[in-house]
């Protein structure tokens, strides 16, 4: 269950190019995501930084959630409306269609659970070779 979320509809960038920036901040703490988006040189980064700040403000309105305790639990971009223009000249007096793509972006924030360190217990064998006989090293054969 997310603490807060924010939506941005009809962002004038293709979803594929926006997803490249979103992959940088997915699962990160909010403060770290701020730094990453502030120094990313891709065009949608500035708009996504504003959207992230909006989601943090929504979390502050819903409850007493400080940005230090939040992380980006979900962030995704879906395809939006495609505007088509008949502008591009082609060979033999034909024209091509230029597609102006857009996307819808959603950000979900959640509270990072505290890290629980387990006490050092006995190590048991696990994995593929669990319970397999161990070869003894010896002289001969």
Protein backbone atom coordinates (compact mmCIF):
# COMPACT_ATOMS: atom_id res chain seq x y z
CA UNK A 1 0.00 0.00 0.00
CA UNK A 2 1.49 3.30 -1.04
CA UNK A 3 1.65 6.29 1.27
CA UNK A 4 1.22 8.86 -1.52
CA UNK A 5 1.15 9.08 -5.28
CA UNK A 6 1.11 11.67 -8.04
CA UNK A 7 0.06 11.51 -11.69
CA UNK A 8 1.16 13.49 -14.71
CA UNK A 9 -0.93 13.17 -17.86
CA UNK A 10 0.08 14.01 -21.43
CA UNK A 11 3.79 14.62 -20.92
CA UNK A 12 5.13 15.56 -24.35
CA UNK A 13 7.87 12.91 -24.44
CA UNK A 14 7.60 9.36 -25.65
CA UNK A 15 7.09 6.74 -22.96
CA UNK A 16 10.21 4.87 -24.09
CA UNK A 17 12.47 7.86 -23.47
CA UNK A 18 10.82 8.67 -20.15
CA UNK A 19 11.24 5.06 -18.95
CA UNK A 20 15.01 5.39 -19.43
CA UNK A 21 15.01 8.14 -16.78
CA UNK A 22 12.50 6.38 -14.52
CA UNK A 23 14.69 3.30 -14.32
CA UNK A 24 17.37 5.43 -12.64
CA UNK A 25 15.21 6.28 -9.61
CA UNK A 26 12.96 3.23 -9.17
CA UNK A 27 13.40 1.76 -5.67
CA UNK A 28 15.65 4.59 -4.44
CA UNK A 29 15.18 6.80 -1.39
CA UNK A 30 13.52 10.13 -2.19
CA UNK A 31 16.58 12.21 -1.32
CA UNK A 32 18.75 10.08 -3.59
CA UNK A 33 16.16 10.30 -6.37
CA UNK A 34 16.24 14.11 -6.08
CA UNK A 35 19.99 14.12 -6.62
CA UNK A 36 19.83 11.70 -9.54
CA UNK A 37 17.12 13.66 -11.36
CA UNK A 38 18.80 17.01 -10.68
CA UNK A 39 22.00 15.92 -12.43
CA UNK A 40 20.50 13.79 -15.21
CA UNK A 41 20.91 15.46 -18.58
CA UNK A 42 17.92 13.79 -20.26
CA UNK A 43 15.07 16.16 -21.14
CA UNK A 44 12.25 14.59 -19.10
CA UNK A 45 14.33 14.66 -15.88
CA UNK A 46 13.31 18.19 -14.87
CA UNK A 47 9.59 17.45 -15.25
CA UNK A 48 9.96 14.16 -13.37
CA UNK A 49 11.72 15.99 -10.53
CA UNK A 50 8.70 18.29 -10.21
CA UNK A 51 6.39 15.26 -10.19
CA UNK A 52 8.46 13.59 -7.46
CA UNK A 53 8.32 16.76 -5.35
CA UNK A 54 4.55 16.80 -5.81
CA UNK A 55 4.28 13.22 -4.56
CA UNK A 56 6.39 14.09 -1.50
CA UNK A 57 4.13 17.08 -0.80
CA UNK A 58 1.11 14.78 -1.07
CA UNK A 59 2.71 12.45 1.48
CA UNK A 60 3.20 15.40 3.82
CA UNK A 61 -0.47 16.35 3.45
CA UNK A 62 -1.75 12.82 4.10
CA UNK A 63 0.31 12.23 7.23
CA UNK A 64 3.49 13.14 9.00
CA UNK A 65 5.82 11.53 6.51
CA UNK A 66 9.22 13.13 6.20
CA UNK A 67 11.15 12.82 2.90
CA UNK A 68 13.95 10.99 4.75
CA UNK A 69 11.63 8.06 5.48
CA UNK A 70 10.15 7.75 1.96
CA UNK A 71 11.30 5.79 -1.06
CA UNK A 72 10.02 5.40 -4.61
CA UNK A 73 8.07 2.16 -4.44
CA UNK A 74 6.63 2.42 -7.94
CA UNK A 75 7.15 4.68 -10.91
CA UNK A 76 6.03 3.98 -14.46
CA UNK A 77 5.11 5.60 -17.77
CA UNK A 78 2.25 4.49 -19.98
CA UNK A 79 1.68 5.58 -23.55
CA UNK A 80 -0.62 8.55 -24.06
CA UNK A 81 -2.28 10.22 -27.02
CA UNK A 82 -0.42 10.36 -30.33
CA UNK A 83 -0.83 13.49 -32.42
CA UNK A 84 -0.18 12.96 -36.10
CA UNK A 85 1.02 15.63 -38.53
CA UNK A 86 1.31 15.29 -42.30
CA UNK A 87 4.42 17.39 -42.59
CA UNK A 88 7.34 15.27 -43.65
CA UNK A 89 8.03 15.31 -47.41
CA UNK A 90 8.94 11.97 -48.98
CA UNK A 91 10.08 10.84 -52.40
CA UNK A 92 7.86 11.09 -55.51
CA UNK A 93 5.75 13.97 -54.11
CA UNK A 94 4.39 11.91 -51.24
CA UNK A 95 4.24 12.95 -47.63
CA UNK A 96 4.93 11.09 -44.42
CA UNK A 97 3.15 11.22 -41.10
CA UNK A 98 5.03 12.64 -38.14
CA UNK A 99 3.93 11.17 -34.82
CA UNK A 100 4.10 13.38 -31.74
CA UNK A 101 3.95 10.97 -28.82
CA UNK A 102 3.00 11.63 -25.22
CA UNK A 103 2.83 9.58 -22.03
CA UNK A 104 1.22 9.39 -18.61
CA UNK A 105 3.58 9.09 -15.62
CA UNK A 106 2.67 7.81 -12.14
CA UNK A 107 4.82 7.94 -9.00
CA UNK A 108 4.07 5.99 -5.82
CA UNK A 109 5.91 6.57 -2.55
CA UNK A 110 6.05 4.32 0.48
CA UNK A 111 7.68 4.36 3.89
CA UNK A 112 10.92 2.45 4.03
CA UNK A 113 10.65 -0.25 6.67
CA UNK A 114 13.44 -0.20 9.25
CA UNK A 115 16.32 -2.54 8.54
CA UNK A 116 16.28 -5.51 10.90
CA UNK A 117 19.59 -7.25 11.33
CA UNK A 118 19.37 -10.90 12.20
CA UNK A 119 21.60 -12.25 14.89
CA UNK A 120 24.37 -14.54 13.74
CA UNK A 121 23.01 -18.05 13.74
CA UNK A 122 24.31 -21.27 12.35
CA UNK A 123 24.91 -21.36 8.65
CA UNK A 124 23.07 -24.15 6.91
CA UNK A 125 23.60 -25.47 3.43
CA UNK A 126 21.11 -24.22 0.90
CA UNK A 127 20.86 -24.08 -2.84
CA UNK A 128 21.39 -26.63 -5.56
CA UNK A 129 23.87 -28.83 -3.76
CA UNK A 130 22.15 -28.94 -0.37
CA UNK A 131 22.32 -32.42 1.05
CA UNK A 132 24.69 -33.68 -1.63
CA UNK A 133 27.49 -35.95 -0.44
CA UNK A 134 30.80 -34.23 0.01
CA UNK A 135 33.78 -35.83 -1.67
CA UNK A 136 36.62 -36.62 0.69
CA UNK A 137 40.08 -35.76 -0.43
CA UNK A 138 42.58 -38.46 0.10
CA UNK A 139 45.61 -40.07 -1.45
CA UNK A 140 45.21 -42.62 -4.11
CA UNK A 141 42.43 -43.32 -6.55
